[in-house]
Amino acid sequence: MKKSFIIWLTISALLFAFSAYAAQYVKGKHFLPISPKVSAVTDVRARHEVVELFWYGCPHCFEFEPYLDMWSEDKAADINLVRIPAIFNPRWEQHARAFYALEMIGDLQQGHELMFDGMHEQGRALANLDSMARFLAAHGIDEAKFREAFHSFAVETKISRAKELIRQYQIRGVPAVIVNGEYRITGNSAGGYNQMIEIIEQLTAQ
């Protein structure tokens, strides 16, 4: 993504201010308990699992992404970060299919960034398979493989699983973060994007 040096400096300063403020975050106010607890999403052996729920068309998710990216670069080795596309309507499902199709063909890292940039920096709607396939192909992603994966059984299975997890996590909007299947964090509950990262740090340090 196109991020200016000033933005990165600002985010860095905010993230490294964590130690002075983390203790102020309170369960039930800044992060909400999930009952019943949701099982881990993957089989990866890790002490903590952090799940991000997002939608490519969400401007708040686009703004939160650099905060999460920077945190993930320096996160503890015992934390497994999982991204799950939220699905609340048919349009969101199209973008969730794109996410899982890109994952399936091994182009998720590049494609994830392209989808966010295309919608928020280039103003593209990317509302259906054809527009997404052409856009991604223009940036070197195999169009035929992407189209084939988009409606594959494997992607269909992941879509069904994502819908079930969204119900279990009890989320109503994005971006949202789930820690260890026990706690839900949103921008509103936390008070901002940097605060979301600080709460993740607080919960995974316990």
N, C-alpha and C. Protein backbone atom coordinates (compact mmCIF):
# COMPACT_ATOMS: atom_id res chain seq x y z
N MET A 1 0.84 -1.19 0.00
CA MET A 1 0.00 0.00 0.00
C MET A 1 0.88 1.24 0.00
N LYS A 2 0.35 2.32 -0.49
CA LYS A 2 1.08 3.56 -0.53
C LYS A 2 0.93 4.27 0.81
N LYS A 3 1.99 4.30 1.58
CA LYS A 3 1.94 4.92 2.90
C LYS A 3 3.10 5.88 3.00
N SER A 4 2.83 7.07 3.36
CA SER A 4 3.90 8.06 3.44
C SER A 4 4.78 7.80 4.65
N PHE A 5 6.00 8.33 4.59
CA PHE A 5 6.96 8.18 5.69
C PHE A 5 6.41 8.77 6.97
N ILE A 6 5.69 9.88 6.85
CA ILE A 6 5.13 10.55 8.03
C ILE A 6 4.10 9.66 8.71
N ILE A 7 3.25 8.98 7.92
CA ILE A 7 2.23 8.10 8.49
C ILE A 7 2.90 6.97 9.26
N TRP A 8 3.94 6.39 8.67
CA TRP A 8 4.62 5.29 9.34
C TRP A 8 5.29 5.75 10.63
N LEU A 9 5.88 6.94 10.62
CA LEU A 9 6.51 7.46 11.84
C LEU A 9 5.46 7.65 12.93
N THR A 10 4.31 8.17 12.54
CA THR A 10 3.23 8.40 13.51
C THR A 10 2.76 7.09 14.13
N ILE A 11 2.54 6.10 13.28
CA ILE A 11 2.08 4.80 13.77
C ILE A 11 3.13 4.18 14.68
N SER A 12 4.39 4.28 14.30
CA SER A 12 5.47 3.72 15.12
C SER A 12 5.49 4.33 16.51
N ALA A 13 5.37 5.66 16.55
CA ALA A 13 5.40 6.34 17.84
C ALA A 13 4.24 5.91 18.72
N LEU A 14 3.07 5.74 18.11
CA LEU A 14 1.89 5.34 18.87
C LEU A 14 2.01 3.91 19.38
N LEU A 15 2.50 3.03 18.54
CA LEU A 15 2.60 1.63 18.94
C LEU A 15 3.58 1.43 20.08
N PHE A 16 4.70 2.12 20.04
CA PHE A 16 5.71 1.91 21.06
C PHE A 16 5.40 2.67 22.36
N ALA A 17 4.27 3.37 22.37
CA ALA A 17 3.83 4.01 23.60
C ALA A 17 2.98 3.06 24.44
N PHE A 18 2.85 1.83 24.00
CA PHE A 18 1.96 0.85 24.64
C PHE A 18 2.20 0.69 26.14
N SER A 19 3.45 0.53 26.54
CA SER A 19 3.75 0.16 27.92
C SER A 19 3.22 1.14 28.95
N ALA A 20 3.08 2.38 28.57
CA ALA A 20 2.64 3.40 29.52
C ALA A 20 1.13 3.40 29.72
N TYR A 21 0.39 2.80 28.79
CA TYR A 21 -1.06 2.96 28.81
C TYR A 21 -1.85 1.66 28.82
N ALA A 22 -1.22 0.53 28.55
CA ALA A 22 -1.98 -0.70 28.37
C ALA A 22 -2.84 -1.06 29.57
N ALA A 23 -2.36 -0.78 30.76
CA ALA A 23 -3.06 -1.22 31.97
C ALA A 23 -4.42 -0.57 32.15
N GLN A 24 -4.70 0.47 31.39
CA GLN A 24 -5.97 1.17 31.59
C GLN A 24 -7.15 0.47 30.91
N TYR A 25 -6.91 -0.54 30.09
CA TYR A 25 -7.99 -1.16 29.34
C TYR A 25 -8.72 -2.20 30.18
N VAL A 26 -10.05 -2.09 30.19
CA VAL A 26 -10.88 -2.86 31.12
C VAL A 26 -11.83 -3.77 30.36
N LYS A 27 -11.92 -5.03 30.83
CA LYS A 27 -12.87 -5.99 30.24
C LYS A 27 -14.29 -5.50 30.45
N GLY A 28 -15.10 -5.61 29.41
CA GLY A 28 -16.48 -5.17 29.48
C GLY A 28 -16.67 -3.74 29.02
N LYS A 29 -15.57 -3.02 28.90
CA LYS A 29 -15.63 -1.64 28.43
C LYS A 29 -14.81 -1.46 27.15
N HIS A 30 -13.53 -1.76 27.23
CA HIS A 30 -12.64 -1.58 26.09
C HIS A 30 -12.53 -2.84 25.23
N PHE A 31 -12.75 -3.98 25.83
CA PHE A 31 -12.82 -5.24 25.09
C PHE A 31 -13.91 -6.09 25.74
N LEU A 32 -14.65 -6.79 24.90
CA LEU A 32 -15.86 -7.47 25.37
C LEU A 32 -15.69 -8.98 25.36
N PRO A 33 -16.14 -9.65 26.42
CA PRO A 33 -16.02 -11.12 26.47
C PRO A 33 -16.97 -11.78 25.49
N ILE A 34 -16.54 -12.90 24.95
CA ILE A 34 -17.37 -13.70 24.05
C ILE A 34 -17.78 -14.97 24.79
N SER A 35 -19.07 -15.23 24.83
CA SER A 35 -19.57 -16.41 25.52
C SER A 35 -20.60 -17.12 24.63
N PRO A 36 -20.37 -18.41 24.35
CA PRO A 36 -19.24 -19.22 24.82
C PRO A 36 -17.97 -18.93 24.03
N LYS A 37 -16.85 -19.34 24.60
CA LYS A 37 -15.57 -19.17 23.93
C LYS A 37 -15.57 -19.92 22.61
N VAL A 38 -14.94 -19.32 21.59
CA VAL A 38 -14.88 -19.91 20.26
C VAL A 38 -13.55 -20.64 20.10
N SER A 39 -13.61 -21.84 19.56
CA SER A 39 -12.40 -22.64 19.35
C SER A 39 -11.46 -21.97 18.36
N ALA A 40 -10.20 -22.34 18.42
CA ALA A 40 -9.20 -21.79 17.51
C ALA A 40 -9.58 -22.06 16.06
N VAL A 41 -9.26 -21.12 15.19
CA VAL A 41 -9.63 -21.22 13.78
C VAL A 41 -8.73 -22.20 13.03
N THR A 42 -7.45 -22.20 13.34
CA THR A 42 -6.50 -23.06 12.64
C THR A 42 -5.90 -24.08 13.58
N ASP A 43 -5.12 -24.99 13.00
CA ASP A 43 -4.43 -26.02 13.78
C ASP A 43 -3.02 -25.59 14.17
N VAL A 44 -2.66 -24.36 13.85
CA VAL A 44 -1.32 -23.86 14.17
C VAL A 44 -1.15 -23.87 15.69
N ARG A 45 -0.04 -24.44 16.14
CA ARG A 45 0.22 -24.48 17.57
C ARG A 45 0.81 -23.14 18.01
N ALA A 46 0.02 -22.42 18.75
CA ALA A 46 0.45 -21.11 19.24
C ALA A 46 -0.24 -20.85 20.56
N ARG A 47 0.41 -20.08 21.40
CA ARG A 47 -0.17 -19.77 22.71
C ARG A 47 -1.39 -18.86 22.56
N HIS A 48 -1.33 -17.97 21.57
CA HIS A 48 -2.42 -17.02 21.36
C HIS A 48 -2.84 -16.99 19.90
N GLU A 49 -4.12 -16.79 19.67
CA GLU A 49 -4.65 -16.61 18.32
C GLU A 49 -5.34 -15.27 18.24
N VAL A 50 -4.92 -14.44 17.30
CA VAL A 50 -5.53 -13.13 17.06
C VAL A 50 -6.19 -13.17 15.68
N VAL A 51 -7.49 -12.93 15.65
CA VAL A 51 -8.25 -12.97 14.41
C VAL A 51 -8.70 -11.56 14.04
N GLU A 52 -8.41 -11.15 12.81
CA GLU A 52 -8.92 -9.86 12.32
C GLU A 52 -10.09 -10.12 11.38
N LEU A 53 -11.19 -9.44 11.61
CA LEU A 53 -12.35 -9.48 10.73
C LEU A 53 -12.37 -8.18 9.93
N PHE A 54 -12.52 -8.27 8.61
CA PHE A 54 -12.44 -7.08 7.77
C PHE A 54 -13.32 -7.22 6.54
N TRP A 55 -13.47 -6.12 5.81
CA TRP A 55 -14.09 -6.10 4.49
C TRP A 55 -13.28 -5.17 3.60
N TYR A 56 -12.99 -5.60 2.38
CA TYR A 56 -12.17 -4.78 1.50
C TYR A 56 -12.79 -3.41 1.22
N GLY A 57 -14.09 -3.32 1.23
CA GLY A 57 -14.74 -2.04 0.93
C GLY A 57 -14.86 -1.10 2.11
N CYS A 58 -14.41 -1.53 3.28
CA CYS A 58 -14.54 -0.73 4.50
C CYS A 58 -13.39 0.25 4.64
N PRO A 59 -13.66 1.57 4.65
CA PRO A 59 -12.58 2.54 4.80
C PRO A 59 -11.87 2.44 6.15
N HIS A 60 -12.61 2.05 7.17
CA HIS A 60 -12.00 1.91 8.50
C HIS A 60 -11.03 0.73 8.52
N CYS A 61 -11.38 -0.35 7.81
CA CYS A 61 -10.48 -1.50 7.72
C CYS A 61 -9.20 -1.11 6.98
N PHE A 62 -9.36 -0.32 5.93
CA PHE A 62 -8.21 0.16 5.16
C PHE A 62 -7.29 1.01 6.04
N GLU A 63 -7.88 1.82 6.89
CA GLU A 63 -7.09 2.67 7.79
C GLU A 63 -6.42 1.85 8.89
N PHE A 64 -7.09 0.80 9.33
CA PHE A 64 -6.54 -0.04 10.40
C PHE A 64 -5.42 -0.94 9.91
N GLU A 65 -5.43 -1.27 8.63
CA GLU A 65 -4.49 -2.25 8.09
C GLU A 65 -3.02 -1.94 8.38
N PRO A 66 -2.54 -0.70 8.19
CA PRO A 66 -1.12 -0.45 8.49
C PRO A 66 -0.76 -0.63 9.96
N TYR A 67 -1.71 -0.37 10.85
CA TYR A 67 -1.46 -0.60 12.28
C TYR A 67 -1.25 -2.09 12.53
N LEU A 68 -2.14 -2.91 11.96
CA LEU A 68 -2.04 -4.35 12.17
C LEU A 68 -0.81 -4.92 11.48
N ASP A 69 -0.49 -4.41 10.29
CA ASP A 69 0.69 -4.88 9.57
C ASP A 69 1.96 -4.62 10.38
N MET A 70 2.07 -3.42 10.93
CA MET A 70 3.28 -3.09 11.69
C MET A 70 3.36 -3.95 12.95
N TRP A 71 2.23 -4.13 13.62
CA TRP A 71 2.22 -4.97 14.81
C TRP A 71 2.62 -6.40 14.46
N SER A 72 2.12 -6.93 13.34
CA SER A 72 2.39 -8.32 12.98
C SER A 72 3.85 -8.56 12.66
N GLU A 73 4.55 -7.52 12.20
CA GLU A 73 5.97 -7.67 11.88
C GLU A 73 6.81 -7.92 13.13
N ASP A 74 6.36 -7.40 14.27
CA ASP A 74 7.14 -7.52 15.50
C ASP A 74 6.43 -8.31 16.60
N LYS A 75 5.32 -8.95 16.26
CA LYS A 75 4.58 -9.66 17.29
C LYS A 75 5.39 -10.83 17.83
N ALA A 76 5.00 -11.26 19.03
CA ALA A 76 5.67 -12.39 19.65
C ALA A 76 5.50 -13.66 18.81
N ALA A 77 6.47 -14.54 18.87
CA ALA A 77 6.45 -15.75 18.06
C ALA A 77 5.32 -16.70 18.45
N ASP A 78 4.78 -16.55 19.66
CA ASP A 78 3.73 -17.46 20.11
C ASP A 78 2.33 -16.94 19.79
N ILE A 79 2.23 -15.95 18.90
CA ILE A 79 0.94 -15.39 18.49
C ILE A 79 0.68 -15.74 17.02
N ASN A 80 -0.45 -16.35 16.76
CA ASN A 80 -0.85 -16.68 15.39
C ASN A 80 -1.90 -15.67 14.92
N LEU A 81 -1.58 -14.91 13.87
CA LEU A 81 -2.52 -13.93 13.32
C LEU A 81 -3.28 -14.57 12.16
N VAL A 82 -4.61 -14.47 12.23
CA VAL A 82 -5.49 -15.02 11.19
C VAL A 82 -6.40 -13.92 10.69
N ARG A 83 -6.51 -13.78 9.38
CA ARG A 83 -7.44 -12.81 8.80
C ARG A 83 -8.65 -13.54 8.25
N ILE A 84 -9.84 -13.02 8.58
CA ILE A 84 -11.08 -13.62 8.10
C ILE A 84 -11.94 -12.52 7.50
N PRO A 85 -12.35 -12.66 6.24
CA PRO A 85 -13.23 -11.65 5.64
C PRO A 85 -14.64 -11.76 6.21
N ALA A 86 -15.17 -10.65 6.67
CA ALA A 86 -16.53 -10.64 7.23
C ALA A 86 -17.54 -10.72 6.09
N ILE A 87 -18.65 -11.38 6.36
CA ILE A 87 -19.70 -11.55 5.34
C ILE A 87 -21.05 -11.19 5.97
N PHE A 88 -21.59 -10.02 5.58
CA PHE A 88 -22.89 -9.59 6.07
C PHE A 88 -23.93 -9.48 4.97
N ASN A 89 -23.50 -9.54 3.72
CA ASN A 89 -24.43 -9.44 2.59
C ASN A 89 -23.75 -10.01 1.34
N PRO A 90 -24.49 -10.16 0.23
CA PRO A 90 -23.90 -10.77 -0.97
C PRO A 90 -22.68 -10.04 -1.52
N ARG A 91 -22.64 -8.71 -1.42
CA ARG A 91 -21.49 -7.98 -1.93
C ARG A 91 -20.24 -8.33 -1.13
N TRP A 92 -20.38 -8.37 0.18
CA TRP A 92 -19.24 -8.72 1.04
C TRP A 92 -18.78 -10.15 0.74
N GLU A 93 -19.73 -11.02 0.41
CA GLU A 93 -19.36 -12.40 0.11
C GLU A 93 -18.48 -12.48 -1.13
N GLN A 94 -18.74 -11.64 -2.13
CA GLN A 94 -17.91 -11.62 -3.33
C GLN A 94 -16.45 -11.31 -2.97
N HIS A 95 -16.26 -10.35 -2.09
CA HIS A 95 -14.90 -9.99 -1.68
C HIS A 95 -14.28 -11.07 -0.80
N ALA A 96 -15.10 -11.75 -0.01
CA ALA A 96 -14.58 -12.87 0.79
C ALA A 96 -14.11 -14.00 -0.13
N ARG A 97 -14.87 -14.24 -1.20
CA ARG A 97 -14.45 -15.25 -2.16
C ARG A 97 -13.12 -14.88 -2.81
N ALA A 98 -12.95 -13.60 -3.10
CA ALA A 98 -11.68 -13.14 -3.68
C ALA A 98 -10.53 -13.43 -2.72
N PHE A 99 -10.73 -13.13 -1.44
CA PHE A 99 -9.70 -13.38 -0.43
C PHE A 99 -9.30 -14.85 -0.41
N TYR A 100 -10.29 -15.72 -0.35
CA TYR A 100 -9.98 -17.15 -0.25
C TYR A 100 -9.46 -17.72 -1.57
N ALA A 101 -9.90 -17.18 -2.69
CA ALA A 101 -9.37 -17.61 -3.98
C ALA A 101 -7.90 -17.24 -4.09
N LEU A 102 -7.57 -16.02 -3.68
CA LEU A 102 -6.16 -15.59 -3.69
C LEU A 102 -5.32 -16.46 -2.76
N GLU A 103 -5.87 -16.80 -1.61
CA GLU A 103 -5.16 -17.68 -0.69
C GLU A 103 -4.93 -19.05 -1.33
N MET A 104 -5.92 -19.55 -2.01
CA MET A 104 -5.86 -20.88 -2.61
C MET A 104 -4.80 -20.96 -3.71
N ILE A 105 -4.65 -19.89 -4.49
CA ILE A 105 -3.69 -19.94 -5.60
C ILE A 105 -2.31 -19.39 -5.20
N GLY A 106 -2.14 -19.06 -3.92
CA GLY A 106 -0.84 -18.64 -3.43
C GLY A 106 -0.48 -17.20 -3.68
N ASP A 107 -1.47 -16.35 -3.92
CA ASP A 107 -1.21 -14.94 -4.20
C ASP A 107 -1.88 -14.01 -3.19
N LEU A 108 -2.09 -14.51 -1.97
CA LEU A 108 -2.84 -13.72 -1.00
C LEU A 108 -2.10 -12.46 -0.57
N GLN A 109 -0.82 -12.55 -0.31
CA GLN A 109 -0.09 -11.38 0.18
C GLN A 109 -0.18 -10.22 -0.81
N GLN A 110 0.09 -10.48 -2.07
CA GLN A 110 0.00 -9.43 -3.08
C GLN A 110 -1.45 -9.02 -3.33
N GLY A 111 -2.31 -10.01 -3.47
CA GLY A 111 -3.71 -9.73 -3.81
C GLY A 111 -4.46 -9.00 -2.73
N HIS A 112 -4.17 -9.30 -1.47
CA HIS A 112 -4.81 -8.63 -0.34
C HIS A 112 -4.53 -7.13 -0.39
N GLU A 113 -3.29 -6.79 -0.63
CA GLU A 113 -2.90 -5.38 -0.72
C GLU A 113 -3.52 -4.72 -1.94
N LEU A 114 -3.54 -5.44 -3.06
CA LEU A 114 -4.11 -4.90 -4.29
C LEU A 114 -5.60 -4.60 -4.13
N MET A 115 -6.33 -5.50 -3.47
CA MET A 115 -7.77 -5.29 -3.30
C MET A 115 -8.05 -4.04 -2.49
N PHE A 116 -7.33 -3.86 -1.39
CA PHE A 116 -7.50 -2.65 -0.58
C PHE A 116 -7.11 -1.40 -1.36
N ASP A 117 -5.97 -1.44 -2.03
CA ASP A 117 -5.50 -0.27 -2.77
C ASP A 117 -6.44 0.06 -3.92
N GLY A 118 -6.89 -0.97 -4.63
CA GLY A 118 -7.77 -0.74 -5.77
C GLY A 118 -9.05 -0.03 -5.38
N MET A 119 -9.62 -0.40 -4.25
CA MET A 119 -10.89 0.17 -3.83
C MET A 119 -10.72 1.55 -3.18
N HIS A 120 -9.66 1.74 -2.41
CA HIS A 120 -9.56 2.96 -1.61
C HIS A 120 -8.58 3.99 -2.15
N GLU A 121 -7.63 3.57 -2.96
CA GLU A 121 -6.70 4.52 -3.52
C GLU A 121 -6.98 4.81 -5.00
N GLN A 122 -7.57 3.82 -5.67
CA GLN A 122 -7.87 3.99 -7.08
C GLN A 122 -9.36 4.18 -7.36
N GLY A 123 -10.19 4.02 -6.34
CA GLY A 123 -11.62 4.26 -6.49
C GLY A 123 -12.35 3.21 -7.32
N ARG A 124 -11.83 2.00 -7.38
CA ARG A 124 -12.48 0.94 -8.15
C ARG A 124 -13.54 0.24 -7.30
N ALA A 125 -14.66 -0.09 -7.92
CA ALA A 125 -15.74 -0.76 -7.18
C ALA A 125 -15.38 -2.22 -6.89
N LEU A 126 -14.79 -2.90 -7.87
CA LEU A 126 -14.42 -4.31 -7.72
C LEU A 126 -15.58 -5.09 -7.08
N ALA A 127 -16.74 -4.97 -7.70
CA ALA A 127 -17.97 -5.49 -7.08
C ALA A 127 -18.32 -6.90 -7.52
N ASN A 128 -17.62 -7.45 -8.52
CA ASN A 128 -17.97 -8.78 -9.00
C ASN A 128 -16.73 -9.51 -9.49
N LEU A 129 -16.91 -10.77 -9.84
CA LEU A 129 -15.79 -11.61 -10.25
C LEU A 129 -15.05 -11.03 -11.44
N ASP A 130 -15.77 -10.59 -12.46
CA ASP A 130 -15.12 -10.10 -13.67
C ASP A 130 -14.22 -8.90 -13.39
N SER A 131 -14.74 -7.92 -12.64
CA SER A 131 -13.95 -6.72 -12.37
C SER A 131 -12.73 -7.05 -11.51
N MET A 132 -12.89 -7.94 -10.54
CA MET A 132 -11.77 -8.32 -9.69
C MET A 132 -10.74 -9.12 -10.47
N ALA A 133 -11.19 -10.06 -11.29
CA ALA A 133 -10.27 -10.90 -12.05
C ALA A 133 -9.44 -10.07 -13.02
N ARG A 134 -10.10 -9.13 -13.71
CA ARG A 134 -9.36 -8.28 -14.65
C ARG A 134 -8.36 -7.37 -13.93
N PHE A 135 -8.79 -6.81 -12.82
CA PHE A 135 -7.92 -5.92 -12.06
C PHE A 135 -6.69 -6.66 -11.54
N LEU A 136 -6.90 -7.81 -10.95
CA LEU A 136 -5.79 -8.59 -10.40
C LEU A 136 -4.86 -9.09 -11.51
N ALA A 137 -5.45 -9.48 -12.65
CA ALA A 137 -4.64 -9.95 -13.78
C ALA A 137 -3.73 -8.85 -14.30
N ALA A 138 -4.21 -7.61 -14.24
CA ALA A 138 -3.40 -6.48 -14.70
C ALA A 138 -2.17 -6.28 -13.82
N HIS A 139 -2.17 -6.89 -12.65
CA HIS A 139 -1.03 -6.78 -11.74
C HIS A 139 -0.29 -8.11 -11.59
N GLY A 140 -0.48 -8.99 -12.55
CA GLY A 140 0.32 -10.19 -12.61
C GLY A 140 -0.25 -11.44 -11.97
N ILE A 141 -1.47 -11.38 -11.48
CA ILE A 141 -2.08 -12.56 -10.87
C ILE A 141 -2.83 -13.35 -11.95
N ASP A 142 -2.62 -14.64 -11.97
CA ASP A 142 -3.18 -15.51 -13.01
C ASP A 142 -4.71 -15.45 -12.99
N GLU A 143 -5.29 -14.91 -14.06
CA GLU A 143 -6.74 -14.72 -14.10
C GLU A 143 -7.48 -16.04 -14.15
N ALA A 144 -7.00 -16.98 -14.94
CA ALA A 144 -7.69 -18.26 -15.07
C ALA A 144 -7.72 -19.02 -13.75
N LYS A 145 -6.59 -19.03 -13.05
CA LYS A 145 -6.54 -19.72 -11.76
C LYS A 145 -7.44 -19.04 -10.75
N PHE A 146 -7.46 -17.71 -10.76
CA PHE A 146 -8.30 -16.98 -9.82
C PHE A 146 -9.77 -17.28 -10.07
N ARG A 147 -10.18 -17.25 -11.33
CA ARG A 147 -11.58 -17.53 -11.67
C ARG A 147 -11.97 -18.95 -11.28
N GLU A 148 -11.09 -19.89 -11.52
CA GLU A 148 -11.38 -21.28 -11.18
C GLU A 148 -11.53 -21.46 -9.68
N ALA A 149 -10.66 -20.81 -8.91
CA ALA A 149 -10.70 -20.95 -7.46
C ALA A 149 -11.91 -20.24 -6.85
N PHE A 150 -12.36 -19.18 -7.48
CA PHE A 150 -13.40 -18.31 -6.93
C PHE A 150 -14.67 -19.09 -6.55
N HIS A 151 -15.07 -20.03 -7.39
CA HIS A 151 -16.28 -20.80 -7.11
C HIS A 151 -15.97 -22.27 -6.79
N SER A 152 -14.75 -22.53 -6.35
CA SER A 152 -14.35 -23.90 -6.05
C SER A 152 -14.99 -24.40 -4.77
N PHE A 153 -15.00 -25.70 -4.61
CA PHE A 153 -15.54 -26.31 -3.39
C PHE A 153 -14.74 -25.87 -2.16
N ALA A 154 -13.42 -25.76 -2.32
CA ALA A 154 -12.57 -25.36 -1.19
C ALA A 154 -12.92 -23.97 -0.71
N VAL A 155 -13.14 -23.05 -1.65
CA VAL A 155 -13.52 -21.69 -1.27
C VAL A 155 -14.93 -21.68 -0.68
N GLU A 156 -15.82 -22.46 -1.24
CA GLU A 156 -17.18 -22.55 -0.71
C GLU A 156 -17.17 -22.99 0.75
N THR A 157 -16.31 -23.95 1.06
CA THR A 157 -16.19 -24.46 2.43
C THR A 157 -15.70 -23.36 3.37
N LYS A 158 -14.72 -22.59 2.91
CA LYS A 158 -14.19 -21.50 3.73
C LYS A 158 -15.21 -20.40 3.93
N ILE A 159 -16.02 -20.13 2.92
CA ILE A 159 -17.08 -19.13 3.05
C ILE A 159 -18.08 -19.56 4.13
N SER A 160 -18.47 -20.81 4.10
CA SER A 160 -19.42 -21.32 5.11
C SER A 160 -18.83 -21.22 6.51
N ARG A 161 -17.56 -21.55 6.62
CA ARG A 161 -16.89 -21.48 7.92
C ARG A 161 -16.80 -20.04 8.40
N ALA A 162 -16.48 -19.11 7.51
CA ALA A 162 -16.39 -17.70 7.88
C ALA A 162 -17.74 -17.18 8.39
N LYS A 163 -18.81 -17.54 7.73
CA LYS A 163 -20.14 -17.10 8.16
C LYS A 163 -20.46 -17.62 9.55
N GLU A 164 -20.10 -18.86 9.82
CA GLU A 164 -20.36 -19.43 11.14
C GLU A 164 -19.52 -18.73 12.22
N LEU A 165 -18.27 -18.45 11.91
CA LEU A 165 -17.41 -17.77 12.88
C LEU A 165 -17.92 -16.37 13.20
N ILE A 166 -18.41 -15.68 12.20
CA ILE A 166 -18.94 -14.33 12.42
C ILE A 166 -20.10 -14.38 13.40
N ARG A 167 -20.95 -15.39 13.27
CA ARG A 167 -22.06 -15.55 14.23
C ARG A 167 -21.53 -15.84 15.63
N GLN A 168 -20.55 -16.72 15.71
CA GLN A 168 -20.00 -17.10 17.01
C GLN A 168 -19.27 -15.93 17.68
N TYR A 169 -18.59 -15.11 16.87
CA TYR A 169 -17.87 -13.97 17.43
C TYR A 169 -18.81 -12.82 17.81
N GLN A 170 -20.05 -12.89 17.32
CA GLN A 170 -21.08 -11.89 17.66
C GLN A 170 -20.68 -10.48 17.23
N ILE A 171 -20.08 -10.38 16.05
CA ILE A 171 -19.68 -9.06 15.57
C ILE A 171 -20.79 -8.45 14.72
N ARG A 172 -20.85 -7.12 14.73
CA ARG A 172 -21.85 -6.38 13.97
C ARG A 172 -21.21 -5.42 12.97
N GLY A 173 -19.90 -5.28 13.05
CA GLY A 173 -19.21 -4.37 12.14
C GLY A 173 -17.72 -4.66 12.12
N VAL A 174 -17.02 -4.02 11.22
CA VAL A 174 -15.58 -4.20 11.07
C VAL A 174 -14.90 -2.83 10.96
N PRO A 175 -13.58 -2.78 11.29
CA PRO A 175 -12.72 -3.90 11.68
C PRO A 175 -13.00 -4.35 13.10
N ALA A 176 -12.82 -5.62 13.32
CA ALA A 176 -12.94 -6.19 14.65
C ALA A 176 -11.81 -7.19 14.84
N VAL A 177 -11.39 -7.37 16.08
CA VAL A 177 -10.31 -8.30 16.40
C VAL A 177 -10.78 -9.22 17.52
N ILE A 178 -10.51 -10.50 17.34
CA ILE A 178 -10.85 -11.50 18.34
C ILE A 178 -9.56 -12.07 18.91
N VAL A 179 -9.44 -12.11 20.22
CA VAL A 179 -8.23 -12.64 20.87
C VAL A 179 -8.58 -13.93 21.60
N ASN A 180 -7.95 -15.00 21.16
CA ASN A 180 -8.08 -16.32 21.80
C ASN A 180 -9.51 -16.83 21.85
N GLY A 181 -10.35 -16.33 20.95
CA GLY A 181 -11.74 -16.76 20.93
C GLY A 181 -12.54 -16.31 22.14
N GLU A 182 -11.94 -15.45 22.98
CA GLU A 182 -12.55 -15.05 24.25
C GLU A 182 -12.97 -13.59 24.29
N TYR A 183 -12.26 -12.74 23.55
CA TYR A 183 -12.50 -11.29 23.66
C TYR A 183 -12.63 -10.65 22.28
N ARG A 184 -13.54 -9.71 22.19
CA ARG A 184 -13.81 -8.98 20.96
C ARG A 184 -13.40 -7.51 21.14
N ILE A 185 -12.65 -7.00 20.18
CA ILE A 185 -12.18 -5.62 20.22
C ILE A 185 -12.65 -4.91 18.95
N THR A 186 -13.20 -3.72 19.10
CA THR A 186 -13.57 -2.90 17.95
C THR A 186 -12.99 -1.50 18.14
N GLY A 187 -13.00 -0.72 17.07
CA GLY A 187 -12.52 0.65 17.18
C GLY A 187 -13.33 1.45 18.17
N ASN A 188 -14.64 1.21 18.19
CA ASN A 188 -15.51 1.95 19.12
C ASN A 188 -15.24 1.57 20.56
N SER A 189 -15.11 0.28 20.83
CA SER A 189 -14.88 -0.13 22.22
C SER A 189 -13.50 0.28 22.70
N ALA A 190 -12.51 0.18 21.82
CA ALA A 190 -11.14 0.49 22.22
C ALA A 190 -10.87 1.98 22.27
N GLY A 191 -11.51 2.72 21.36
CA GLY A 191 -11.28 4.16 21.31
C GLY A 191 -10.40 4.60 20.16
N GLY A 192 -9.99 3.66 19.30
CA GLY A 192 -9.15 4.00 18.16
C GLY A 192 -8.30 2.83 17.72
N TYR A 193 -7.62 2.99 16.60
CA TYR A 193 -6.84 1.90 16.03
C TYR A 193 -5.61 1.57 16.87
N ASN A 194 -4.90 2.57 17.32
CA ASN A 194 -3.73 2.30 18.15
C ASN A 194 -4.13 1.61 19.44
N GLN A 195 -5.28 2.04 20.00
CA GLN A 195 -5.76 1.41 21.22
C GLN A 195 -6.12 -0.06 20.99
N MET A 196 -6.63 -0.37 19.80
CA MET A 196 -6.92 -1.78 19.48
C MET A 196 -5.64 -2.61 19.57
N ILE A 197 -4.56 -2.08 19.02
CA ILE A 197 -3.28 -2.79 19.07
C ILE A 197 -2.80 -2.94 20.51
N GLU A 198 -2.94 -1.88 21.30
CA GLU A 198 -2.52 -1.93 22.70
C GLU A 198 -3.29 -2.99 23.47
N ILE A 199 -4.58 -3.12 23.18
CA ILE A 199 -5.39 -4.13 23.88
C ILE A 199 -4.97 -5.52 23.45
N ILE A 200 -4.68 -5.72 22.17
CA ILE A 200 -4.15 -7.01 21.72
C ILE A 200 -2.90 -7.35 22.51
N GLU A 201 -2.01 -6.38 22.63
CA GLU A 201 -0.78 -6.60 23.39
C GLU A 201 -1.06 -6.94 24.85
N GLN A 202 -2.01 -6.23 25.44
CA GLN A 202 -2.35 -6.48 26.84
C GLN A 202 -2.88 -7.90 27.03
N LEU A 203 -3.79 -8.32 26.14
CA LEU A 203 -4.42 -9.62 26.30
C LEU A 203 -3.47 -10.77 26.00
N THR A 204 -2.55 -10.58 25.07
CA THR A 204 -1.62 -11.65 24.73
C THR A 204 -0.40 -11.67 25.64
N ALA A 205 -0.29 -10.68 26.50
CA ALA A 205 0.82 -10.65 27.48
C ALA A 205 0.40 -11.32 28.78
N GLN A 206 -0.88 -11.58 28.95
CA GLN A 206 -1.36 -12.14 30.20
C GLN A 206 -1.01 -13.63 30.29
